[in-house]
C-alpha atoms as a PDB file:
ATOM      1  CA  MET A   1     -20.690 166.071 159.191  1.00  0.00           C
ATOM      2  CA  ILE A   2     -20.941 162.111 158.794  1.00  0.00           C
ATOM      3  CA  GLU A   3     -18.425 160.149 159.949  1.00  0.00           C
ATOM      4  CA  ILE A   4     -17.755 156.678 157.540  1.00  0.00           C
ATOM      5  CA  ASP A   5     -14.664 154.800 159.295  1.00  0.00           C
ATOM      6  CA  ASN A   6     -12.024 157.113 159.674  1.00  0.00           C
ATOM      7  CA  LYS A   7     -13.168 159.693 157.539  1.00  0.00           C
ATOM      8  CA  VAL A   8     -15.360 162.744 158.634  1.00  0.00           C
ATOM      9  CA  VAL A   9     -17.512 164.079 155.641  1.00  0.00           C
ATOM     10  CA  SER A  10     -18.898 167.411 155.118  1.00  0.00           C
ATOM     11  CA  SER A  11     -22.770 167.369 154.519  1.00  0.00           C
ATOM     12  CA  GLU A  12     -22.215 169.858 151.584  1.00  0.00           C
ATOM     13  CA  ILE A  13     -20.846 167.290 149.276  1.00  0.00           C
ATOM     14  CA  PHE A  14     -24.614 165.858 149.384  1.00  0.00           C
ATOM     15  CA  GLU A  15     -26.287 169.186 149.353  1.00  0.00           C
ATOM     16  CA  LYS A  16     -24.491 171.185 147.144  1.00  0.00           C
ATOM     17  CA  LYS A  17     -24.731 170.712 143.138  1.00  0.00           C
ATOM     18  CA  PHE A  18     -22.202 170.213 140.967  1.00  0.00           C
ATOM     19  CA  CYS A  19     -20.961 169.337 137.394  1.00  0.00           C
ATOM     20  CA  CYS A  20     -17.961 170.795 135.501  1.00  0.00           C
ATOM     21  CA  ASP A  21     -18.798 172.975 132.621  1.00  0.00           C
ATOM     22  CA  LEU A  22     -15.490 173.123 130.611  1.00  0.00           C
ATOM     23  CA  PRO A  23     -17.160 175.612 127.661  1.00  0.00           C
ATOM     24  CA  SER A  24     -17.976 178.257 130.502  1.00  0.00           C
ATOM     25  CA  CYS A  25     -15.003 178.047 132.783  1.00  0.00           C
ATOM     26  CA  MET A  26     -12.428 177.176 130.321  1.00  0.00           C
ATOM     27  CA  GLY A  27     -10.334 174.756 132.858  1.00  0.00           C
ATOM     28  CA  MET A  28      -9.411 177.785 134.887  1.00  0.00           C
ATOM     29  CA  CYS A  29      -8.755 175.901 137.888  1.00  0.00           C
ATOM     30  CA  CYS A  30      -5.644 174.640 136.270  1.00  0.00           C
ATOM     31  CA  VAL A  31      -4.486 178.247 135.622  1.00  0.00           C
ATOM     32  CA  TYR A  32      -5.522 180.175 139.033  1.00  0.00           C
ATOM     33  CA  GLY A  33      -4.616 179.840 142.645  1.00  0.00           C
ATOM     34  CA  ASP A  34      -1.806 180.600 144.838  1.00  0.00           C
ATOM     35  CA  SER A  35       0.106 177.314 144.497  1.00  0.00           C
ATOM     36  CA  GLY A  36       0.166 174.120 141.818  1.00  0.00           C
ATOM     37  CA  ALA A  37      -2.216 171.165 142.748  1.00  0.00           C
ATOM     38  CA  PRO A  38      -1.722 169.161 145.863  1.00  0.00           C
ATOM     39  CA  LEU A  39       0.410 166.220 145.777  1.00  0.00           C
ATOM     40  CA  THR A  40       1.036 163.308 147.914  1.00  0.00           C
ATOM     41  CA  PRO A  41       4.828 161.948 148.255  1.00  0.00           C
ATOM     42  CA  ASP A  42       3.847 158.558 146.213  1.00  0.00           C
ATOM     43  CA  GLU A  43       2.264 161.086 143.537  1.00  0.00           C
ATOM     44  CA  ALA A  44       5.583 163.146 143.114  1.00  0.00           C
ATOM     45  CA  ILE A  45       7.714 159.794 142.783  1.00  0.00           C
ATOM     46  CA  THR A  46       5.096 158.844 140.141  1.00  0.00           C
ATOM     47  CA  LEU A  47       5.217 161.964 138.361  1.00  0.00           C
ATOM     48  CA  GLU A  48       8.976 161.763 138.294  1.00  0.00           C
ATOM     49  CA  LYS A  49       8.769 158.058 136.950  1.00  0.00           C
ATOM     50  CA  ILE A  50       6.185 158.969 134.191  1.00  0.00           C
ATOM     51  CA  LEU A  51       7.816 162.433 133.337  1.00  0.00           C
ATOM     52  CA  GLU A  52       9.100 161.303 129.785  1.00  0.00           C
ATOM     53  CA  GLN A  53       5.628 159.833 128.476  1.00  0.00           C
ATOM     54  CA  VAL A  54       3.944 162.875 129.794  1.00  0.00           C
ATOM     55  CA  LYS A  55       6.371 165.731 128.267  1.00  0.00           C
ATOM     56  CA  PRO A  56       5.140 165.060 124.390  1.00  0.00           C
ATOM     57  CA  TYR A  57       1.747 166.827 125.797  1.00  0.00           C
ATOM     58  CA  MET A  58       3.347 169.283 127.669  1.00  0.00           C
ATOM     59  CA  THR A  59       3.879 173.175 126.657  1.00  0.00           C
ATOM     60  CA  SER A  60       7.655 174.153 126.324  1.00  0.00           C
ATOM     61  CA  GLU A  61       6.795 176.528 129.036  1.00  0.00           C
ATOM     62  CA  GLY A  62       5.692 173.768 131.224  1.00  0.00           C
ATOM     63  CA  ILE A  63       9.036 171.663 130.729  1.00  0.00           C
ATOM     64  CA  SER A  64      11.114 174.496 131.015  1.00  0.00           C
ATOM     65  CA  ALA A  65       9.832 175.019 134.284  1.00  0.00           C
ATOM     66  CA  VAL A  66       9.962 171.347 135.562  1.00  0.00           C
ATOM     67  CA  ASN A  67      13.119 171.213 134.604  1.00  0.00           C
ATOM     68  CA  GLU A  68      14.087 174.021 136.688  1.00  0.00           C
ATOM     69  CA  GLN A  69      11.807 173.546 139.543  1.00  0.00           C
ATOM     70  CA  GLY A  70      11.124 169.190 139.143  1.00  0.00           C
ATOM     71  CA  VAL A  71       7.663 167.860 139.094  1.00  0.00           C
ATOM     72  CA  ALA A  72       6.933 169.059 142.931  1.00  0.00           C
ATOM     73  CA  ILE A  73       7.880 171.595 145.177  1.00  0.00           C
ATOM     74  CA  THR A  74       6.858 172.715 148.712  1.00  0.00           C
ATOM     75  CA  ASP A  75       4.447 175.774 148.526  1.00  0.00           C
ATOM     76  CA  THR A  76       4.624 178.577 151.245  1.00  0.00           C
ATOM     77  CA  ASP A  77       2.284 176.699 153.375  1.00  0.00           C
ATOM     78  CA  GLY A  78       4.418 173.607 153.612  1.00  0.00           C
ATOM     79  CA  ASP A  79       2.430 171.603 151.131  1.00  0.00           C
ATOM     80  CA  LEU A  80       3.930 169.239 148.239  1.00  0.00           C
ATOM     81  CA  VAL A  81       2.429 170.835 144.992  1.00  0.00           C
ATOM     82  CA  THR A  82       2.786 170.808 141.271  1.00  0.00           C
ATOM     83  CA  PRO A  83       5.036 173.693 140.490  1.00  0.00           C
ATOM     84  CA  LEU A  84       3.456 177.027 138.404  1.00  0.00           C
ATOM     85  CA  ILE A  85       4.609 178.518 135.107  1.00  0.00           C
ATOM     86  CA  ASP A  86       5.533 182.330 135.977  1.00  0.00           C
ATOM     87  CA  GLY A  87       3.385 181.857 139.184  1.00  0.00           C
ATOM     88  CA  LYS A  88      -0.076 181.071 137.095  1.00  0.00           C
ATOM     89  CA  GLU A  89      -0.814 177.719 135.670  1.00  0.00           C
ATOM     90  CA  CYS A  90       0.255 174.418 136.532  1.00  0.00           C
ATOM     91  CA  VAL A  91       3.226 173.080 134.656  1.00  0.00           C
ATOM     92  CA  PHE A  92       1.115 170.061 133.319  1.00  0.00           C
ATOM     93  CA  THR A  93      -1.373 172.250 131.943  1.00  0.00           C
ATOM     94  CA  ILE A  94      -2.228 172.883 127.937  1.00  0.00           C
ATOM     95  CA  PHE A  95      -4.738 174.148 126.027  1.00  0.00           C
ATOM     96  CA  GLU A  96      -7.009 172.851 123.632  1.00  0.00           C
ATOM     97  CA  ASN A  97      -9.529 175.344 121.826  1.00  0.00           C
ATOM     98  CA  GLY A  98      -8.643 177.769 124.534  1.00  0.00           C
ATOM     99  CA  ILE A  99      -9.945 175.532 127.342  1.00  0.00           C
ATOM    100  CA  ALA A 100      -7.102 174.751 130.048  1.00  0.00           C
ATOM    101  CA  THR A 101      -6.612 170.724 130.275  1.00  0.00           C
ATOM    102  CA  CYS A 102      -4.035 168.323 131.636  1.00  0.00           C
ATOM    103  CA  ALA A 103      -1.082 167.052 129.721  1.00  0.00           C
ATOM    104  CA  ILE A 104      -0.806 164.051 132.609  1.00  0.00           C
ATOM    105  CA  GLU A 105      -4.627 163.291 131.953  1.00  0.00           C
ATOM    106  CA  LYS A 106      -4.187 163.490 128.070  1.00  0.00           C
ATOM    107  CA  ALA A 107      -1.300 160.880 128.166  1.00  0.00           C
ATOM    108  CA  TRP A 108      -3.821 158.676 130.215  1.00  0.00           C
ATOM    109  CA  ASN A 109      -6.397 158.975 127.868  1.00  0.00           C
ATOM    110  CA  ASP A 110      -3.981 158.142 125.240  1.00  0.00           C
ATOM    111  CA  GLY A 111      -2.878 155.054 127.211  1.00  0.00           C
ATOM    112  CA  LYS A 112       0.855 156.014 127.655  1.00  0.00           C
ATOM    113  CA  ILE A 113       0.620 155.869 131.240  1.00  0.00           C
ATOM    114  CA  ASP A 114      -1.416 154.391 134.015  1.00  0.00           C
ATOM    115  CA  PHE A 115      -1.455 157.329 136.147  1.00  0.00           C
ATOM    116  CA  ARG A 116      -4.760 159.413 135.520  1.00  0.00           C
ATOM    117  CA  LYS A 117      -3.777 162.856 137.271  1.00  0.00           C
ATOM    118  CA  PRO A 118      -3.004 163.755 140.864  1.00  0.00           C
ATOM    119  CA  ILE A 119      -5.991 162.490 143.089  1.00  0.00           C
ATOM    120  CA  SER A 120      -6.672 166.546 144.631  1.00  0.00           C
ATOM    121  CA  CYS A 121      -7.603 167.214 141.170  1.00  0.00           C
ATOM    122  CA  HIS A 122      -9.671 164.410 140.304  1.00  0.00           C
ATOM    123  CA  LEU A 123     -11.539 165.002 143.379  1.00  0.00           C
ATOM    124  CA  TYR A 124     -11.863 168.696 143.219  1.00  0.00           C
ATOM    125  CA  PRO A 125     -14.136 170.216 144.102  1.00  0.00           C
ATOM    126  CA  ILE A 126     -13.549 168.066 147.241  1.00  0.00           C
ATOM    127  CA  ARG A 127     -10.255 168.749 149.178  1.00  0.00           C
ATOM    128  CA  ALA A 128      -9.184 165.889 151.541  1.00  0.00           C
ATOM    129  CA  LYS A 129      -6.725 166.649 154.362  1.00  0.00           C
ATOM    130  CA  GLU A 130      -4.943 164.088 156.337  1.00  0.00           C
ATOM    131  CA  TYR A 131      -5.121 164.177 160.281  1.00  0.00           C
ATOM    132  CA  SER A 132      -3.391 162.089 162.291  1.00  0.00           C
ATOM    133  CA  THR A 133      -6.776 159.773 163.137  1.00  0.00           C
ATOM    134  CA  PHE A 134      -8.970 160.937 160.302  1.00  0.00           C
ATOM    135  CA  THR A 135      -9.356 162.030 157.097  1.00  0.00           C
ATOM    136  CA  ALA A 136     -11.350 165.288 156.526  1.00  0.00           C
ATOM    137  CA  ILE A 137     -13.238 165.498 153.239  1.00  0.00           C
ATOM    138  CA  ASN A 138     -14.664 168.807 152.458  1.00  0.00           C
ATOM    139  CA  TYR A 139     -16.206 170.836 149.712  1.00  0.00           C
ATOM    140  CA  ASN A 140     -14.507 174.083 148.261  1.00  0.00           C
ATOM    141  CA  GLN A 141     -16.516 176.649 146.969  1.00  0.00           C
ATOM    142  CA  TRP A 142     -14.347 178.292 144.534  1.00  0.00           C
ATOM    143  CA  ASP A 143     -15.841 181.500 142.551  1.00  0.00           C
ATOM    144  CA  ILE A 144     -14.202 180.231 139.226  1.00  0.00           C
ATOM    145  CA  CYS A 145     -16.416 177.397 139.603  1.00  0.00           C
ATOM    146  CA  LYS A 146     -19.706 179.304 139.417  1.00  0.00           C
ATOM    147  CA  PRO A 147     -20.793 177.467 136.048  1.00  0.00           C
ATOM    148  CA  ALA A 148     -20.384 174.426 137.548  1.00  0.00           C
ATOM    149  CA  ARG A 149     -22.413 175.021 140.381  1.00  0.00           C
ATOM    150  CA  ASP A 150     -24.986 176.465 138.190  1.00  0.00           C
ATOM    151  CA  LEU A 151     -24.773 173.296 135.708  1.00  0.00           C
ATOM    152  CA  GLY A 152     -24.963 170.864 138.834  1.00  0.00           C
ATOM    153  CA  ASN A 153     -27.863 172.804 140.051  1.00  0.00           C
ATOM    154  CA  LYS A 154     -29.726 172.535 136.565  1.00  0.00           C
ATOM    155  CA  LEU A 155     -29.121 168.923 136.621  1.00  0.00           C
ATOM    156  CA  GLY A 156     -29.580 168.041 139.971  1.00  0.00           C
ATOM    157  CA  ILE A 157     -26.412 166.432 140.394  1.00  0.00           C
ATOM    158  CA  PRO A 158     -24.687 166.196 144.282  1.00  0.00           C
ATOM    159  CA  VAL A 159     -20.884 166.898 144.331  1.00  0.00           C
ATOM    160  CA  TYR A 160     -20.150 163.175 145.379  1.00  0.00           C
ATOM    161  CA  LYS A 161     -22.246 161.928 142.324  1.00  0.00           C
ATOM    162  CA  PHE A 162     -20.178 163.873 140.242  1.00  0.00           C
ATOM    163  CA  LEU A 163     -17.034 162.839 141.776  1.00  0.00           C
ATOM    164  CA  LYS A 164     -17.989 159.075 141.905  1.00  0.00           C
ATOM    165  CA  ASP A 165     -14.871 157.866 139.784  1.00  0.00           C
ATOM    166  CA  ALA A 166     -12.646 159.964 141.660  1.00  0.00           C
ATOM    167  CA  LEU A 167     -13.955 159.207 145.316  1.00  0.00           C
ATOM    168  CA  ILE A 168     -14.009 155.358 144.164  1.00  0.00           C
ATOM    169  CA  ARG A 169     -10.447 155.912 142.801  1.00  0.00           C
ATOM    170  CA  ALA A 170      -9.427 157.430 146.216  1.00  0.00           C
ATOM    171  CA  TYR A 171     -11.226 155.355 148.620  1.00  0.00           C
ATOM    172  CA  GLY A 172     -12.949 152.363 147.171  1.00  0.00           C
ATOM    173  CA  GLU A 173     -16.360 150.982 146.258  1.00  0.00           C
ATOM    174  CA  GLU A 174     -17.208 150.274 149.681  1.00  0.00           C
ATOM    175  CA  PHE A 175     -16.635 154.043 151.115  1.00  0.00           C
ATOM    176  CA  TYR A 176     -18.688 155.221 147.880  1.00  0.00           C
ATOM    177  CA  HIS A 177     -21.490 152.591 148.615  1.00  0.00           C
ATOM    178  CA  GLN A 178     -21.492 154.070 152.376  1.00  0.00           C
ATOM    179  CA  LEU A 179     -21.966 157.608 150.853  1.00  0.00           C
ATOM    180  CA  GLU A 180     -24.848 156.781 149.041  1.00  0.00           C
ATOM    181  CA  GLU A 181     -26.428 155.292 152.282  1.00  0.00           C
ATOM    182  CA  ALA A 182     -25.600 158.482 153.983  1.00  0.00           C
ATOM    183  CA  GLU A 183     -27.323 160.360 151.552  1.00  0.00           C
ATOM    184  CA  LYS A 184     -30.428 158.147 151.513  1.00  0.00           C
ATOM    185  CA  LEU A 185     -30.337 159.057 155.673  1.00  0.00           C
ATOM    186  CA  LEU A 186     -29.784 162.460 155.154  1.00  0.00           C
ATOM    187  CA  SER A 187     -32.901 162.694 152.418  1.00  0.00           C
ATOM    188  CA  LEU A 188     -35.208 160.919 155.030  1.00  0.00           C
ATOM    189  CA  GLN A 189     -34.016 162.931 158.043  1.00  0.00           C
ATOM    190  CA  SER A 190     -35.017 166.280 156.055  1.00  0.00           C
ATOM    191  CA  ASN A 191     -38.400 164.945 154.756  1.00  0.00           C
ATOM    192  CA  GLU A 192     -39.247 164.051 158.576  1.00  0.00           C
ATOM    193  CA  LYS A 193     -38.645 167.877 159.477  1.00  0.00           C
END
């Protein structure tokens, strides 16, 4: 573990390799899981505000689920998350050429909204957990992401480098620069052994 400001960072984000391989995994992280994408309260408010701009990108099933459940629900663990369609994919999941993608991000790509997607989705496979005095930043290894681990290993891309944009969005450029410095120190330490 490495501590940067009030963040405790798992060394796995430097050691493990990762690079999404959508043609292989088919975007199944949007489909499988016990609940929807974790949201902050501010993100739930934002989703309410941008819903009309996102709806044209959504499936009819997704729109029906949002009309019934809203853009955010509390799951069985007490966490705020996006709702699911029939207990399966996130309500914002769309399929393009058989690959699950995000209606929110598609609207963002088209310049319709200025919110890219929930930060939990953007940061994946990092999971951040807020505690009263610090934020824990951990690597989450999920079976369906095996193609991403394989491609990351082949290309030699550490998790944190793959997630550069997301980490900067979440915590700022200075934090990302400190991650780069931490990786250098870890590399020196491992070379000295």
